[in-house]
Amino acid sequence: MAQKNNEKEAILPVAPKESNTSLNRIGLVVLVVIFSLALILTFKALLPKSQKSSDDVTAPIGKIIKPLTGSVINNNIAKISVEANDDRSGVKSVEIFFKTKGVWEKLTTITQPPFIYNWDVSGLPIQSVTLDIHVTDNAGNILNTNSGGWQEDIIIIPILKGKVN
């Protein structure tokens, strides 16, 4: 007769097997994070060092390219082209002014290059005007060509008002 075994088998706790798939995913994530950080740091090191706008204490440069002093605008549109630059903090805006009969008036503010303004003069009488610009950089420095004597004097003759002989 078979003997009954009263001994109980010992059940040992078994640690769950770690899945190779889980380890592979974790490793891949870690690898991607490390690679991304290395890539960011590399690009950051290669970019040129930009000036802080607080370091910029120099006014930007600028001038009216067109129309030239002495120009006669025999048209209803006076195209005003301005060259403006600031190599430290960049150009924030260009304001264009005109003066007639001793009074300055602002025409426009341009915030993106190209700094070109097509001024509709069809409603103006035949007259001589002085153009002026103010160039402001991102640090708040202003070039005022009025104080530098770089104004442009032009004559405006709208088409419907008359012709130059």
C-alpha atoms as a PDB file:
ATOM      1  CA  MET A   1       0.000   0.000   0.000  1.00  0.00           C
ATOM      2  CA  ALA A   2       1.198   3.376  -0.823  1.00  0.00           C
ATOM      3  CA  GLN A   3       2.172   5.514   2.005  1.00  0.00           C
ATOM      4  CA  LYS A   4       0.447   8.815   2.284  1.00  0.00           C
ATOM      5  CA  ASN A   5       2.880  11.634   2.462  1.00  0.00           C
ATOM      6  CA  ASN A   6       1.906  13.949   5.265  1.00  0.00           C
ATOM      7  CA  GLU A   7       4.646  16.303   4.459  1.00  0.00           C
ATOM      8  CA  LYS A   8       3.500  19.437   2.847  1.00  0.00           C
ATOM      9  CA  GLU A   9       5.453  20.815   0.001  1.00  0.00           C
ATOM     10  CA  ALA A  10       7.078  24.059   0.795  1.00  0.00           C
ATOM     11  CA  ILE A  11       5.831  26.866  -1.414  1.00  0.00           C
ATOM     12  CA  LEU A  12       8.461  29.439  -1.912  1.00  0.00           C
ATOM     13  CA  PRO A  13       7.538  32.932  -3.072  1.00  0.00           C
ATOM     14  CA  VAL A  14       8.685  33.476  -6.600  1.00  0.00           C
ATOM     15  CA  ALA A  15       9.679  36.928  -7.766  1.00  0.00           C
ATOM     16  CA  PRO A  16       7.839  37.969 -10.863  1.00  0.00           C
ATOM     17  CA  LYS A  17       9.922  37.773 -13.967  1.00  0.00           C
ATOM     18  CA  GLU A  18      10.835  41.137 -15.368  1.00  0.00           C
ATOM     19  CA  SER A  19       9.724  41.445 -18.882  1.00  0.00           C
ATOM     20  CA  ASN A  20      12.428  42.069 -21.410  1.00  0.00           C
ATOM     21  CA  THR A  21       9.946  44.289 -23.246  1.00  0.00           C
ATOM     22  CA  SER A  22       9.529  46.590 -20.204  1.00  0.00           C
ATOM     23  CA  LEU A  23      13.282  46.874 -19.736  1.00  0.00           C
ATOM     24  CA  ASN A  24      13.745  47.630 -23.411  1.00  0.00           C
ATOM     25  CA  ARG A  25      11.143  50.419 -23.291  1.00  0.00           C
ATOM     26  CA  ILE A  26      12.645  52.013 -20.189  1.00  0.00           C
ATOM     27  CA  GLY A  27      16.105  51.854 -21.704  1.00  0.00           C
ATOM     28  CA  LEU A  28      14.844  53.401 -24.921  1.00  0.00           C
ATOM     29  CA  VAL A  29      13.163  56.270 -23.070  1.00  0.00           C
ATOM     30  CA  VAL A  30      16.325  56.965 -21.059  1.00  0.00           C
ATOM     31  CA  LEU A  31      18.391  56.867 -24.220  1.00  0.00           C
ATOM     32  CA  VAL A  32      16.054  59.291 -26.032  1.00  0.00           C
ATOM     33  CA  VAL A  33      16.118  61.732 -23.084  1.00  0.00           C
ATOM     34  CA  ILE A  34      19.923  61.675 -22.897  1.00  0.00           C
ATOM     35  CA  PHE A  35      20.241  62.122 -26.666  1.00  0.00           C
ATOM     36  CA  SER A  36      17.747  65.012 -26.658  1.00  0.00           C
ATOM     37  CA  LEU A  37      19.593  66.823 -23.872  1.00  0.00           C
ATOM     38  CA  ALA A  38      22.902  66.369 -25.661  1.00  0.00           C
ATOM     39  CA  LEU A  39      21.393  67.706 -28.873  1.00  0.00           C
ATOM     40  CA  ILE A  40      19.903  70.767 -27.148  1.00  0.00           C
ATOM     41  CA  LEU A  41      23.162  71.580 -25.383  1.00  0.00           C
ATOM     42  CA  THR A  42      25.114  71.205 -28.626  1.00  0.00           C
ATOM     43  CA  PHE A  43      22.830  73.562 -30.559  1.00  0.00           C
ATOM     44  CA  LYS A  44      22.800  76.056 -27.693  1.00  0.00           C
ATOM     45  CA  ALA A  45      26.610  76.100 -27.688  1.00  0.00           C
ATOM     46  CA  LEU A  46      26.702  76.665 -31.461  1.00  0.00           C
ATOM     47  CA  LEU A  47      24.257  79.588 -31.487  1.00  0.00           C
ATOM     48  CA  PRO A  48      25.851  83.049 -31.451  1.00  0.00           C
ATOM     49  CA  LYS A  49      25.743  84.800 -28.135  1.00  0.00           C
ATOM     50  CA  SER A  50      23.109  87.516 -28.322  1.00  0.00           C
ATOM     51  CA  GLN A  51      23.489  90.813 -26.574  1.00  0.00           C
ATOM     52  CA  LYS A  52      21.145  91.545 -23.724  1.00  0.00           C
ATOM     53  CA  SER A  53      19.031  94.581 -24.506  1.00  0.00           C
ATOM     54  CA  SER A  54      20.097  96.016 -21.128  1.00  0.00           C
ATOM     55  CA  ASP A  55      23.713  96.021 -22.428  1.00  0.00           C
ATOM     56  CA  ASP A  56      22.687  98.180 -25.404  1.00  0.00           C
ATOM     57  CA  VAL A  57      23.174 101.867 -24.675  1.00  0.00           C
ATOM     58  CA  THR A  58      23.846 102.935 -28.273  1.00  0.00           C
ATOM     59  CA  ALA A  59      21.192 104.422 -30.533  1.00  0.00           C
ATOM     60  CA  PRO A  60      20.328 102.492 -33.674  1.00  0.00           C
ATOM     61  CA  ILE A  61      21.301 103.821 -37.083  1.00  0.00           C
ATOM     62  CA  GLY A  62      18.957 104.810 -39.858  1.00  0.00           C
ATOM     63  CA  LYS A  63      18.292 107.113 -42.767  1.00  0.00           C
ATOM     64  CA  ILE A  64      15.701 107.896 -45.367  1.00  0.00           C
ATOM     65  CA  ILE A  65      16.746 106.224 -48.623  1.00  0.00           C
ATOM     66  CA  LYS A  66      13.912 107.564 -50.776  1.00  0.00           C
ATOM     67  CA  PRO A  67      12.831 110.146 -51.604  1.00  0.00           C
ATOM     68  CA  LEU A  68      16.092 112.071 -51.714  1.00  0.00           C
ATOM     69  CA  THR A  69      16.370 115.674 -50.605  1.00  0.00           C
ATOM     70  CA  GLY A  70      15.111 117.937 -53.354  1.00  0.00           C
ATOM     71  CA  SER A  71      12.892 115.277 -54.910  1.00  0.00           C
ATOM     72  CA  VAL A  72       9.664 116.345 -56.549  1.00  0.00           C
ATOM     73  CA  ILE A  73       6.803 113.916 -56.009  1.00  0.00           C
ATOM     74  CA  ASN A  74       4.510 114.477 -59.008  1.00  0.00           C
ATOM     75  CA  ASN A  75       2.222 111.623 -58.090  1.00  0.00           C
ATOM     76  CA  ASN A  76      -0.501 110.742 -55.590  1.00  0.00           C
ATOM     77  CA  ILE A  77       1.776 108.290 -53.745  1.00  0.00           C
ATOM     78  CA  ALA A  78       5.067 109.257 -52.137  1.00  0.00           C
ATOM     79  CA  LYS A  79       7.056 106.069 -51.485  1.00  0.00           C
ATOM     80  CA  ILE A  80       9.230 106.511 -48.393  1.00  0.00           C
ATOM     81  CA  SER A  81      11.993 103.930 -47.892  1.00  0.00           C
ATOM     82  CA  VAL A  82      13.986 103.849 -44.675  1.00  0.00           C
ATOM     83  CA  GLU A  83      17.144 101.931 -43.853  1.00  0.00           C
ATOM     84  CA  ALA A  84      17.358 101.081 -40.127  1.00  0.00           C
ATOM     85  CA  ASN A  85      19.683  98.793 -38.179  1.00  0.00           C
ATOM     86  CA  ASP A  86      20.799  98.003 -34.655  1.00  0.00           C
ATOM     87  CA  ASP A  87      23.431  95.289 -34.274  1.00  0.00           C
ATOM     88  CA  ARG A  88      22.959  94.911 -30.519  1.00  0.00           C
ATOM     89  CA  SER A  89      19.294  94.570 -29.568  1.00  0.00           C
ATOM     90  CA  GLY A  90      17.615  94.943 -32.976  1.00  0.00           C
ATOM     91  CA  VAL A  91      15.205  97.519 -34.386  1.00  0.00           C
ATOM     92  CA  LYS A  92      11.863  97.731 -32.604  1.00  0.00           C
ATOM     93  CA  SER A  93      10.222 100.412 -34.756  1.00  0.00           C
ATOM     94  CA  VAL A  94      10.639 103.167 -37.317  1.00  0.00           C
ATOM     95  CA  GLU A  95       8.406 106.223 -37.052  1.00  0.00           C
ATOM     96  CA  ILE A  96       8.049 108.510 -40.064  1.00  0.00           C
ATOM     97  CA  PHE A  97       7.141 112.178 -39.595  1.00  0.00           C
ATOM     98  CA  PHE A  98       6.551 115.094 -41.927  1.00  0.00           C
ATOM     99  CA  LYS A  99       6.676 118.828 -41.293  1.00  0.00           C
ATOM    100  CA  THR A 100       4.892 121.531 -43.197  1.00  0.00           C
ATOM    101  CA  LYS A 101       4.373 125.126 -42.072  1.00  0.00           C
ATOM    102  CA  GLY A 102       6.512 124.460 -38.972  1.00  0.00           C
ATOM    103  CA  VAL A 103       4.345 121.652 -37.564  1.00  0.00           C
ATOM    104  CA  TRP A 104       5.492 118.020 -37.272  1.00  0.00           C
ATOM    105  CA  GLU A 105       2.942 115.256 -37.821  1.00  0.00           C
ATOM    106  CA  LYS A 106       3.460 111.518 -37.512  1.00  0.00           C
ATOM    107  CA  LEU A 107       2.682 109.542 -40.664  1.00  0.00           C
ATOM    108  CA  THR A 108       3.145 105.985 -39.457  1.00  0.00           C
ATOM    109  CA  THR A 109       5.023 103.493 -37.302  1.00  0.00           C
ATOM    110  CA  ILE A 110       6.565 100.445 -38.986  1.00  0.00           C
ATOM    111  CA  THR A 111       7.652  97.489 -36.824  1.00  0.00           C
ATOM    112  CA  GLN A 112       8.916  95.009 -39.430  1.00  0.00           C
ATOM    113  CA  PRO A 113      11.354  95.348 -42.319  1.00  0.00           C
ATOM    114  CA  PRO A 114      11.270  96.367 -45.049  1.00  0.00           C
ATOM    115  CA  PHE A 115      10.706  99.857 -43.653  1.00  0.00           C
ATOM    116  CA  ILE A 116       8.688 101.225 -46.558  1.00  0.00           C
ATOM    117  CA  TYR A 117       5.617 103.447 -46.428  1.00  0.00           C
ATOM    118  CA  ASN A 118       3.438 104.472 -49.374  1.00  0.00           C
ATOM    119  CA  TRP A 119       2.081 107.862 -48.369  1.00  0.00           C
ATOM    120  CA  ASP A 120      -1.143 108.888 -50.117  1.00  0.00           C
ATOM    121  CA  VAL A 121      -0.635 112.612 -50.801  1.00  0.00           C
ATOM    122  CA  SER A 122      -3.634 113.021 -53.123  1.00  0.00           C
ATOM    123  CA  GLY A 123      -5.474 115.146 -50.544  1.00  0.00           C
ATOM    124  CA  LEU A 124      -2.561 117.514 -49.930  1.00  0.00           C
ATOM    125  CA  PRO A 125      -1.985 120.837 -51.641  1.00  0.00           C
ATOM    126  CA  ILE A 126       1.150 121.506 -53.671  1.00  0.00           C
ATOM    127  CA  GLN A 127       3.753 122.112 -50.992  1.00  0.00           C
ATOM    128  CA  SER A 128       7.249 121.556 -49.704  1.00  0.00           C
ATOM    129  CA  VAL A 129       7.547 119.146 -46.774  1.00  0.00           C
ATOM    130  CA  THR A 130      10.359 117.884 -44.602  1.00  0.00           C
ATOM    131  CA  LEU A 131      10.541 114.184 -43.732  1.00  0.00           C
ATOM    132  CA  ASP A 132      12.071 112.836 -40.539  1.00  0.00           C
ATOM    133  CA  ILE A 133      12.432 109.426 -38.899  1.00  0.00           C
ATOM    134  CA  HIS A 134      12.830 108.136 -35.376  1.00  0.00           C
ATOM    135  CA  VAL A 135      14.346 104.657 -35.084  1.00  0.00           C
ATOM    136  CA  THR A 136      13.892 102.872 -31.749  1.00  0.00           C
ATOM    137  CA  ASP A 137      15.812  99.734 -30.791  1.00  0.00           C
ATOM    138  CA  ASN A 138      14.621  96.962 -28.471  1.00  0.00           C
ATOM    139  CA  ALA A 139      16.586  98.488 -25.583  1.00  0.00           C
ATOM    140  CA  GLY A 140      14.681 101.779 -25.902  1.00  0.00           C
ATOM    141  CA  ASN A 141      17.471 103.828 -27.530  1.00  0.00           C
ATOM    142  CA  ILE A 142      16.189 106.289 -30.136  1.00  0.00           C
ATOM    143  CA  LEU A 143      17.763 107.767 -33.224  1.00  0.00           C
ATOM    144  CA  ASN A 144      16.058 111.079 -33.939  1.00  0.00           C
ATOM    145  CA  THR A 145      17.240 112.293 -37.328  1.00  0.00           C
ATOM    146  CA  ASN A 146      15.626 115.656 -36.614  1.00  0.00           C
ATOM    147  CA  SER A 147      18.371 116.354 -34.073  1.00  0.00           C
ATOM    148  CA  GLY A 148      21.085 115.038 -36.418  1.00  0.00           C
ATOM    149  CA  GLY A 149      20.158 117.215 -39.376  1.00  0.00           C
ATOM    150  CA  TRP A 150      19.339 114.261 -41.643  1.00  0.00           C
ATOM    151  CA  GLN A 151      15.943 115.416 -42.719  1.00  0.00           C
ATOM    152  CA  GLU A 152      14.817 115.128 -46.305  1.00  0.00           C
ATOM    153  CA  ASP A 153      13.097 118.135 -47.930  1.00  0.00           C
ATOM    154  CA  ILE A 154      10.810 117.237 -50.816  1.00  0.00           C
ATOM    155  CA  ILE A 155       8.166 118.943 -52.900  1.00  0.00           C
ATOM    156  CA  ILE A 156       4.796 117.254 -53.238  1.00  0.00           C
ATOM    157  CA  ILE A 157       2.639 117.915 -56.284  1.00  0.00           C
ATOM    158  CA  PRO A 158      -0.372 115.579 -56.289  1.00  0.00           C
ATOM    159  CA  ILE A 159      -1.438 114.643 -59.832  1.00  0.00           C
ATOM    160  CA  LEU A 160      -4.841 116.314 -59.591  1.00  0.00           C
ATOM    161  CA  LYS A 161      -3.394 119.549 -58.190  1.00  0.00           C
ATOM    162  CA  GLY A 162      -0.955 120.515 -60.926  1.00  0.00           C
ATOM    163  CA  LYS A 163       2.175 119.684 -62.877  1.00  0.00           C
ATOM    164  CA  VAL A 164       5.807 120.774 -62.638  1.00  0.00           C
ATOM    165  CA  ASN A 165       6.934 122.873 -65.611  1.00  0.00           C
END
